Amino acid sequence: MAALWSSVASPARPTVKKESLPALIMESIVLFGPPGAGKGTQAQRIMESTGLPQVSTGDMLRAAVAAGTPTGIEAKKYMDAGQLVPDEVIIDLIKDRIQEDDASNGVMFDGFPRTIPQAEALSTITAVSHVVAIEVPDERIVERICGRYTCADCSAVFHDTFNPTTKEGVCDSCGSSNFKRRADDNADTVMSRLNAYHEQTSPLAAWYDSKGIFFRIDGDRDIDSITQDILTTLE
């Protein structure tokens, strides 16, 4: 992938220098990461640094259905029936998305592909130059997710270990003492989700690794260090 920036002033706000690439030469990246790995934070920083738009198939599906596009209408049939939207419909959505002006140099895929057939189909419409996996030990993921709680009044998010309230039982933002935790933020549910993630992504990781474009990033560190390693990998 051609370097999309000349230097990084700081991990939090890297300096961006975009290059003008021919419209038919697109190099996209894929971002992997289990729930709780901090993928959302890093995705935002990658977008700011590379200029590549973030593409989520879930967001695209909702937008296409709301807009009533031909692909959205087709997808809605499956969604209304409680069925998975077929790969070919998802690929059609992606084909439409990468025709937009902001995707002329490629995109950053978040949550796609999930299977080898999806990856094979994706390779026919855009070149994937880097697949970045943010890896965090399962036990740390459980700790991160199970410790989260939210102010029921203002939606401020806190954590038992990493971001507790300044005064115990009192929201720093609004002073409320009304907090809530998600019912599925428990160890059993989180481990079930992690096992499903590993089973789903392991074959795909090996497939991309065999092509020499799979890069593992230690996600059990401070945010800025993770960002710096990802940006170095993408250069």
C-alpha atoms as a PDB file:
ATOM      1  CA  MET A   1       0.000   0.000   0.000  1.00  0.00           C
ATOM      2  CA  ALA A   2       1.436   3.382  -0.910  1.00  0.00           C
ATOM      3  CA  ALA A   3       2.228   5.543   2.099  1.00  0.00           C
ATOM      4  CA  LEU A   4      -0.771   7.741   2.759  1.00  0.00           C
ATOM      5  CA  TRP A   5       0.993  10.109   5.133  1.00  0.00           C
ATOM      6  CA  SER A   6       4.494  11.498   5.359  1.00  0.00           C
ATOM      7  CA  SER A   7       4.924  11.562   9.102  1.00  0.00           C
ATOM      8  CA  VAL A   8       3.097  11.079  12.366  1.00  0.00           C
ATOM      9  CA  ALA A   9       3.184  14.129  14.589  1.00  0.00           C
ATOM     10  CA  SER A  10       1.653  12.279  17.527  1.00  0.00           C
ATOM     11  CA  PRO A  11      -0.265   9.006  17.859  1.00  0.00           C
ATOM     12  CA  ALA A  12      -3.426  10.845  18.862  1.00  0.00           C
ATOM     13  CA  ARG A  13      -3.541  13.109  15.813  1.00  0.00           C
ATOM     14  CA  PRO A  14      -1.169  11.914  13.074  1.00  0.00           C
ATOM     15  CA  THR A  15      -0.244  14.239  10.229  1.00  0.00           C
ATOM     16  CA  VAL A  16      -2.040  13.274   7.049  1.00  0.00           C
ATOM     17  CA  LYS A  17      -0.742  13.494   3.508  1.00  0.00           C
ATOM     18  CA  LYS A  18      -3.000  11.918   0.918  1.00  0.00           C
ATOM     19  CA  GLU A  19      -1.805  10.861  -2.497  1.00  0.00           C
ATOM     20  CA  SER A  20      -3.850  10.983  -5.672  1.00  0.00           C
ATOM     21  CA  LEU A  21      -4.154   7.439  -6.986  1.00  0.00           C
ATOM     22  CA  PRO A  22      -5.684   6.305 -10.284  1.00  0.00           C
ATOM     23  CA  ALA A  23      -9.368   5.543  -9.854  1.00  0.00           C
ATOM     24  CA  LEU A  24      -8.969   1.885 -10.779  1.00  0.00           C
ATOM     25  CA  ILE A  25      -6.130   1.250  -8.330  1.00  0.00           C
ATOM     26  CA  MET A  26      -7.781   0.756  -4.974  1.00  0.00           C
ATOM     27  CA  GLU A  27      -6.092  -0.740  -1.951  1.00  0.00           C
ATOM     28  CA  SER A  28      -8.384  -1.351   0.970  1.00  0.00           C
ATOM     29  CA  ILE A  29      -7.651  -2.541   4.486  1.00  0.00           C
ATOM     30  CA  VAL A  30      -9.518  -4.887   6.780  1.00  0.00           C
ATOM     31  CA  LEU A  31      -9.662  -4.353  10.535  1.00  0.00           C
ATOM     32  CA  PHE A  32     -10.193  -7.336  12.816  1.00  0.00           C
ATOM     33  CA  GLY A  33     -10.760  -7.338  16.538  1.00  0.00           C
ATOM     34  CA  PRO A  34     -12.907  -9.105  19.132  1.00  0.00           C
ATOM     35  CA  PRO A  35     -15.570  -7.191  21.058  1.00  0.00           C
ATOM     36  CA  GLY A  36     -13.879  -5.051  23.692  1.00  0.00           C
ATOM     37  CA  ALA A  37     -10.517  -4.867  21.887  1.00  0.00           C
ATOM     38  CA  GLY A  38     -10.787  -1.122  21.247  1.00  0.00           C
ATOM     39  CA  LYS A  39     -11.366  -1.538  17.531  1.00  0.00           C
ATOM     40  CA  GLY A  40     -13.735   1.427  17.357  1.00  0.00           C
ATOM     41  CA  THR A  41     -11.163   3.833  18.753  1.00  0.00           C
ATOM     42  CA  GLN A  42      -8.434   2.595  16.438  1.00  0.00           C
ATOM     43  CA  ALA A  43     -10.760   2.617  13.412  1.00  0.00           C
ATOM     44  CA  GLN A  44     -11.393   6.335  13.966  1.00  0.00           C
ATOM     45  CA  ARG A  45      -7.663   7.050  14.128  1.00  0.00           C
ATOM     46  CA  ILE A  46      -6.944   5.001  11.016  1.00  0.00           C
ATOM     47  CA  MET A  47      -9.579   6.968   9.123  1.00  0.00           C
ATOM     48  CA  GLU A  48      -8.065  10.267  10.252  1.00  0.00           C
ATOM     49  CA  SER A  49      -4.583   9.149   9.216  1.00  0.00           C
ATOM     50  CA  THR A  50      -5.227   7.444   5.899  1.00  0.00           C
ATOM     51  CA  GLY A  51      -8.302   9.222   4.623  1.00  0.00           C
ATOM     52  CA  LEU A  52      -9.948   5.848   3.958  1.00  0.00           C
ATOM     53  CA  PRO A  53     -13.651   5.792   4.909  1.00  0.00           C
ATOM     54  CA  GLN A  54     -14.846   3.162   7.351  1.00  0.00           C
ATOM     55  CA  VAL A  55     -17.234   0.649   5.817  1.00  0.00           C
ATOM     56  CA  SER A  56     -19.517  -1.398   8.039  1.00  0.00           C
ATOM     57  CA  THR A  57     -21.839  -3.831   6.298  1.00  0.00           C
ATOM     58  CA  GLY A  58     -24.406  -3.387   9.054  1.00  0.00           C
ATOM     59  CA  ASP A  59     -24.474   0.377   8.517  1.00  0.00           C
ATOM     60  CA  MET A  60     -24.659  -0.102   4.750  1.00  0.00           C
ATOM     61  CA  LEU A  61     -27.577  -2.504   5.046  1.00  0.00           C
ATOM     62  CA  ARG A  62     -29.550  -0.147   7.255  1.00  0.00           C
ATOM     63  CA  ALA A  63     -28.823   2.807   4.949  1.00  0.00           C
ATOM     64  CA  ALA A  64     -29.757   0.883   1.795  1.00  0.00           C
ATOM     65  CA  VAL A  65     -33.011  -0.341   3.323  1.00  0.00           C
ATOM     66  CA  ALA A  66     -33.893   3.161   4.549  1.00  0.00           C
ATOM     67  CA  ALA A  67     -33.103   4.646   1.121  1.00  0.00           C
ATOM     68  CA  GLY A  68     -35.113   1.983  -0.695  1.00  0.00           C
ATOM     69  CA  THR A  69     -32.325   1.171  -3.156  1.00  0.00           C
ATOM     70  CA  PRO A  70     -32.704  -1.976  -5.296  1.00  0.00           C
ATOM     71  CA  THR A  71     -30.100  -3.762  -3.160  1.00  0.00           C
ATOM     72  CA  GLY A  72     -31.756  -2.483   0.011  1.00  0.00           C
ATOM     73  CA  ILE A  73     -35.134  -3.789  -1.113  1.00  0.00           C
ATOM     74  CA  GLU A  74     -33.580  -7.189  -1.823  1.00  0.00           C
ATOM     75  CA  ALA A  75     -31.831  -7.246   1.547  1.00  0.00           C
ATOM     76  CA  LYS A  76     -35.031  -6.280   3.381  1.00  0.00           C
ATOM     77  CA  LYS A  77     -36.765  -9.422   2.118  1.00  0.00           C
ATOM     78  CA  TYR A  78     -34.261 -11.566   4.020  1.00  0.00           C
ATOM     79  CA  MET A  79     -34.153  -9.319   7.066  1.00  0.00           C
ATOM     80  CA  ASP A  80     -37.945  -9.294   7.393  1.00  0.00           C
ATOM     81  CA  ALA A  81     -37.926 -13.093   7.182  1.00  0.00           C
ATOM     82  CA  GLY A  82     -35.338 -13.287   9.957  1.00  0.00           C
ATOM     83  CA  GLN A  83     -32.748 -14.734   7.581  1.00  0.00           C
ATOM     84  CA  LEU A  84     -29.112 -13.838   7.007  1.00  0.00           C
ATOM     85  CA  VAL A  85     -28.570 -11.546   4.057  1.00  0.00           C
ATOM     86  CA  PRO A  86     -26.733 -13.626   1.383  1.00  0.00           C
ATOM     87  CA  ASP A  87     -23.120 -12.847   0.557  1.00  0.00           C
ATOM     88  CA  GLU A  88     -23.973 -11.792  -2.983  1.00  0.00           C
ATOM     89  CA  VAL A  89     -26.272  -9.049  -1.668  1.00  0.00           C
ATOM     90  CA  ILE A  90     -23.585  -7.811   0.719  1.00  0.00           C
ATOM     91  CA  ILE A  91     -21.066  -7.772  -2.130  1.00  0.00           C
ATOM     92  CA  ASP A  92     -23.501  -5.745  -4.231  1.00  0.00           C
ATOM     93  CA  LEU A  93     -23.737  -3.230  -1.392  1.00  0.00           C
ATOM     94  CA  ILE A  94     -19.961  -2.985  -1.266  1.00  0.00           C
ATOM     95  CA  LYS A  95     -19.766  -2.557  -5.040  1.00  0.00           C
ATOM     96  CA  ASP A  96     -22.143   0.381  -4.736  1.00  0.00           C
ATOM     97  CA  ARG A  97     -20.242   1.852  -1.791  1.00  0.00           C
ATOM     98  CA  ILE A  98     -16.817   1.833  -3.403  1.00  0.00           C
ATOM     99  CA  GLN A  99     -18.151   3.779  -6.363  1.00  0.00           C
ATOM    100  CA  GLU A 100     -18.574   6.816  -4.125  1.00  0.00           C
ATOM    101  CA  ASP A 101     -16.011   9.609  -4.378  1.00  0.00           C
ATOM    102  CA  ASP A 102     -14.525   9.163  -0.913  1.00  0.00           C
ATOM    103  CA  ALA A 103     -13.683   5.512  -1.699  1.00  0.00           C
ATOM    104  CA  SER A 104     -11.552   6.188  -4.789  1.00  0.00           C
ATOM    105  CA  ASN A 105      -8.389   5.104  -2.944  1.00  0.00           C
ATOM    106  CA  GLY A 106     -10.027   2.195  -1.144  1.00  0.00           C
ATOM    107  CA  VAL A 107     -11.869   1.781   2.145  1.00  0.00           C
ATOM    108  CA  MET A 108     -11.374   0.352   5.609  1.00  0.00           C
ATOM    109  CA  PHE A 109     -13.624  -2.665   6.184  1.00  0.00           C
ATOM    110  CA  ASP A 110     -14.897  -3.151   9.726  1.00  0.00           C
ATOM    111  CA  GLY A 111     -16.539  -6.500  10.451  1.00  0.00           C
ATOM    112  CA  PHE A 112     -16.213  -7.795   6.906  1.00  0.00           C
ATOM    113  CA  PRO A 113     -15.256 -10.229   5.541  1.00  0.00           C
ATOM    114  CA  ARG A 114     -16.136 -12.901   8.089  1.00  0.00           C
ATOM    115  CA  THR A 115     -15.604 -16.005   5.938  1.00  0.00           C
ATOM    116  CA  ILE A 116     -13.188 -17.140   3.258  1.00  0.00           C
ATOM    117  CA  PRO A 117     -15.883 -17.094   0.518  1.00  0.00           C
ATOM    118  CA  GLN A 118     -16.633 -13.488   1.457  1.00  0.00           C
ATOM    119  CA  ALA A 119     -12.921 -12.650   1.287  1.00  0.00           C
ATOM    120  CA  GLU A 120     -12.641 -14.296  -2.119  1.00  0.00           C
ATOM    121  CA  ALA A 121     -15.615 -12.323  -3.410  1.00  0.00           C
ATOM    122  CA  LEU A 122     -14.203  -9.116  -1.935  1.00  0.00           C
ATOM    123  CA  SER A 123     -10.900  -9.640  -3.742  1.00  0.00           C
ATOM    124  CA  THR A 124     -12.697  -9.395  -7.084  1.00  0.00           C
ATOM    125  CA  ILE A 125     -13.885  -5.830  -6.451  1.00  0.00           C
ATOM    126  CA  THR A 126     -11.109  -4.209  -4.410  1.00  0.00           C
ATOM    127  CA  ALA A 127      -7.526  -5.091  -3.572  1.00  0.00           C
ATOM    128  CA  VAL A 128      -6.912  -5.679   0.140  1.00  0.00           C
ATOM    129  CA  SER A 129      -3.359  -4.685   1.004  1.00  0.00           C
ATOM    130  CA  HIS A 130      -3.410  -5.031   4.816  1.00  0.00           C
ATOM    131  CA  VAL A 131      -5.459  -7.070   7.245  1.00  0.00           C
ATOM    132  CA  VAL A 132      -4.864  -5.749  10.767  1.00  0.00           C
ATOM    133  CA  ALA A 133      -5.893  -7.818  13.779  1.00  0.00           C
ATOM    134  CA  ILE A 134      -6.011  -6.110  17.185  1.00  0.00           C
ATOM    135  CA  GLU A 135      -5.390  -8.958  19.613  1.00  0.00           C
ATOM    136  CA  VAL A 136      -6.206  -8.919  23.313  1.00  0.00           C
ATOM    137  CA  PRO A 137      -6.168 -11.979  25.633  1.00  0.00           C
ATOM    138  CA  ASP A 138      -9.652 -13.306  26.328  1.00  0.00           C
ATOM    139  CA  GLU A 139      -9.321 -12.792  30.078  1.00  0.00           C
ATOM    140  CA  ARG A 140      -8.565  -9.113  29.544  1.00  0.00           C
ATOM    141  CA  ILE A 141     -11.554  -8.773  27.237  1.00  0.00           C
ATOM    142  CA  VAL A 142     -13.777 -10.268  29.935  1.00  0.00           C
ATOM    143  CA  GLU A 143     -12.346  -7.825  32.469  1.00  0.00           C
ATOM    144  CA  ARG A 144     -12.907  -4.872  30.142  1.00  0.00           C
ATOM    145  CA  ILE A 145     -16.483  -5.711  29.219  1.00  0.00           C
ATOM    146  CA  CYS A 146     -17.760  -7.023  32.535  1.00  0.00           C
ATOM    147  CA  GLY A 147     -16.487  -3.945  34.384  1.00  0.00           C
ATOM    148  CA  ARG A 148     -18.476  -1.470  32.288  1.00  0.00           C
ATOM    149  CA  TYR A 149     -21.411   0.441  33.696  1.00  0.00           C
ATOM    150  CA  THR A 150     -23.403   3.455  32.543  1.00  0.00           C
ATOM    151  CA  CYS A 151     -25.178   6.370  34.158  1.00  0.00           C
ATOM    152  CA  ALA A 152     -28.866   5.744  33.555  1.00  0.00           C
ATOM    153  CA  ASP A 153     -29.580   9.486  33.475  1.00  0.00           C
ATOM    154  CA  CYS A 154     -26.881  10.932  31.180  1.00  0.00           C
ATOM    155  CA  SER A 155     -25.394   7.776  29.577  1.00  0.00           C
ATOM    156  CA  ALA A 156     -21.829   8.535  30.747  1.00  0.00           C
ATOM    157  CA  VAL A 157     -19.749   5.340  30.628  1.00  0.00           C
ATOM    158  CA  PHE A 158     -17.522   4.172  33.485  1.00  0.00           C
ATOM    159  CA  HIS A 159     -15.492   1.092  34.392  1.00  0.00           C
ATOM    160  CA  ASP A 160     -14.824  -0.594  37.719  1.00  0.00           C
ATOM    161  CA  THR A 161     -11.058  -0.710  37.121  1.00  0.00           C
ATOM    162  CA  PHE A 162     -10.106   1.592  34.258  1.00  0.00           C
ATOM    163  CA  ASN A 163     -12.515   4.505  34.656  1.00  0.00           C
ATOM    164  CA  PRO A 164     -14.329   4.515  38.004  1.00  0.00           C
ATOM    165  CA  THR A 165     -16.367   7.476  39.181  1.00  0.00           C
ATOM    166  CA  THR A 166     -14.383  10.022  41.177  1.00  0.00           C
ATOM    167  CA  LYS A 167     -16.794   9.653  44.067  1.00  0.00           C
ATOM    168  CA  GLU A 168     -18.116   6.159  44.565  1.00  0.00           C
ATOM    169  CA  GLY A 169     -21.724   5.841  43.466  1.00  0.00           C
ATOM    170  CA  VAL A 170     -21.933   9.338  41.980  1.00  0.00           C
ATOM    171  CA  CYS A 171     -21.790  10.137  38.262  1.00  0.00           C
ATOM    172  CA  ASP A 172     -18.988  12.545  37.410  1.00  0.00           C
ATOM    173  CA  SER A 173     -21.057  14.079  34.605  1.00  0.00           C
ATOM    174  CA  CYS A 174     -24.448  14.744  36.151  1.00  0.00           C
ATOM    175  CA  GLY A 175     -24.246  13.773  39.813  1.00  0.00           C
ATOM    176  CA  SER A 176     -26.778  10.978  39.509  1.00  0.00           C
ATOM    177  CA  SER A 177     -26.505   7.825  41.586  1.00  0.00           C
ATOM    178  CA  ASN A 178     -28.578   5.814  39.125  1.00  0.00           C
ATOM    179  CA  PHE A 179     -26.319   3.371  37.262  1.00  0.00           C
ATOM    180  CA  LYS A 180     -26.988   0.349  35.089  1.00  0.00           C
ATOM    181  CA  ARG A 181     -25.088  -2.570  33.572  1.00  0.00           C
ATOM    182  CA  ARG A 182     -25.969  -4.450  30.395  1.00  0.00           C
ATOM    183  CA  ALA A 183     -27.475  -7.848  31.138  1.00  0.00           C
ATOM    184  CA  ASP A 184     -25.166  -9.512  28.601  1.00  0.00           C
ATOM    185  CA  ASP A 185     -22.015  -7.960  30.095  1.00  0.00           C
ATOM    186  CA  ASN A 186     -21.276 -11.077  32.126  1.00  0.00           C
ATOM    187  CA  ALA A 187     -18.402 -13.545  31.897  1.00  0.00           C
ATOM    188  CA  ASP A 188     -20.384 -16.443  30.415  1.00  0.00           C
ATOM    189  CA  THR A 189     -21.945 -14.351  27.651  1.00  0.00           C
ATOM    190  CA  VAL A 190     -18.672 -12.592  26.829  1.00  0.00           C
ATOM    191  CA  MET A 191     -16.769 -15.888  26.598  1.00  0.00           C
ATOM    192  CA  SER A 192     -19.475 -17.300  24.322  1.00  0.00           C
ATOM    193  CA  ARG A 193     -19.119 -14.284  22.037  1.00  0.00           C
ATOM    194  CA  LEU A 194     -15.325 -14.590  22.073  1.00  0.00           C
ATOM    195  CA  ASN A 195     -15.439 -18.293  21.220  1.00  0.00           C
ATOM    196  CA  ALA A 196     -17.733 -17.545  18.287  1.00  0.00           C
ATOM    197  CA  TYR A 197     -15.379 -14.792  17.138  1.00  0.00           C
ATOM    198  CA  HIS A 198     -12.325 -17.056  17.268  1.00  0.00           C
ATOM    199  CA  GLU A 199     -14.084 -19.889  15.456  1.00  0.00           C
ATOM    200  CA  GLN A 200     -15.280 -17.528  12.758  1.00  0.00           C
ATOM    201  CA  THR A 201     -12.102 -15.547  12.178  1.00  0.00           C
ATOM    202  CA  SER A 202      -9.404 -18.201  12.666  1.00  0.00           C
ATOM    203  CA  PRO A 203      -9.721 -19.762   9.169  1.00  0.00           C
ATOM    204  CA  LEU A 204      -9.950 -16.301   7.617  1.00  0.00           C
ATOM    205  CA  ALA A 205      -6.852 -15.120   9.487  1.00  0.00           C
ATOM    206  CA  ALA A 206      -4.917 -18.135   8.204  1.00  0.00           C
ATOM    207  CA  TRP A 207      -6.180 -17.465   4.659  1.00  0.00           C
ATOM    208  CA  TYR A 208      -4.988 -13.861   4.718  1.00  0.00           C
ATOM    209  CA  ASP A 209      -1.764 -14.845   6.484  1.00  0.00           C
ATOM    210  CA  SER A 210      -0.952 -17.216   3.620  1.00  0.00           C
ATOM    211  CA  LYS A 211      -1.081 -14.197   1.318  1.00  0.00           C
ATOM    212  CA  GLY A 212       1.392 -12.263   3.437  1.00  0.00           C
ATOM    213  CA  ILE A 213      -0.964  -9.411   4.303  1.00  0.00           C
ATOM    214  CA  PHE A 214      -2.088 -10.392   7.818  1.00  0.00           C
ATOM    215  CA  PHE A 215      -0.641  -8.317  10.668  1.00  0.00           C
ATOM    216  CA  ARG A 216      -1.163  -8.936  14.380  1.00  0.00           C
ATOM    217  CA  ILE A 217      -1.154  -5.945  16.744  1.00  0.00           C
ATOM    218  CA  ASP A 218      -0.859  -6.286  20.536  1.00  0.00           C
ATOM    219  CA  GLY A 219      -4.012  -4.560  21.762  1.00  0.00           C
ATOM    220  CA  ASP A 220      -3.300  -5.007  25.471  1.00  0.00           C
ATOM    221  CA  ARG A 221      -1.412  -1.710  25.784  1.00  0.00           C
ATOM    222  CA  ASP A 222      -2.107   1.994  25.917  1.00  0.00           C
ATOM    223  CA  ILE A 223      -4.172   3.388  23.065  1.00  0.00           C
ATOM    224  CA  ASP A 224      -1.446   5.593  21.558  1.00  0.00           C
ATOM    225  CA  SER A 225       1.077   2.730  21.331  1.00  0.00           C
ATOM    226  CA  ILE A 226      -1.468   0.579  19.516  1.00  0.00           C
ATOM    227  CA  THR A 227      -2.225   3.403  17.092  1.00  0.00           C
ATOM    228  CA  GLN A 228       1.468   3.954  16.366  1.00  0.00           C
ATOM    229  CA  ASP A 229       2.038   0.268  15.614  1.00  0.00           C
ATOM    230  CA  ILE A 230      -0.967   0.121  13.294  1.00  0.00           C
ATOM    231  CA  LEU A 231       0.120   3.217  11.371  1.00  0.00           C
ATOM    232  CA  THR A 232       3.672   1.870  11.075  1.00  0.00           C
ATOM    233  CA  THR A 233       2.269  -1.393   9.732  1.00  0.00           C
ATOM    234  CA  LEU A 234       0.243   0.444   7.104  1.00  0.00           C
ATOM    235  CA  GLU A 235       3.129   2.551   5.807  1.00  0.00           C
END
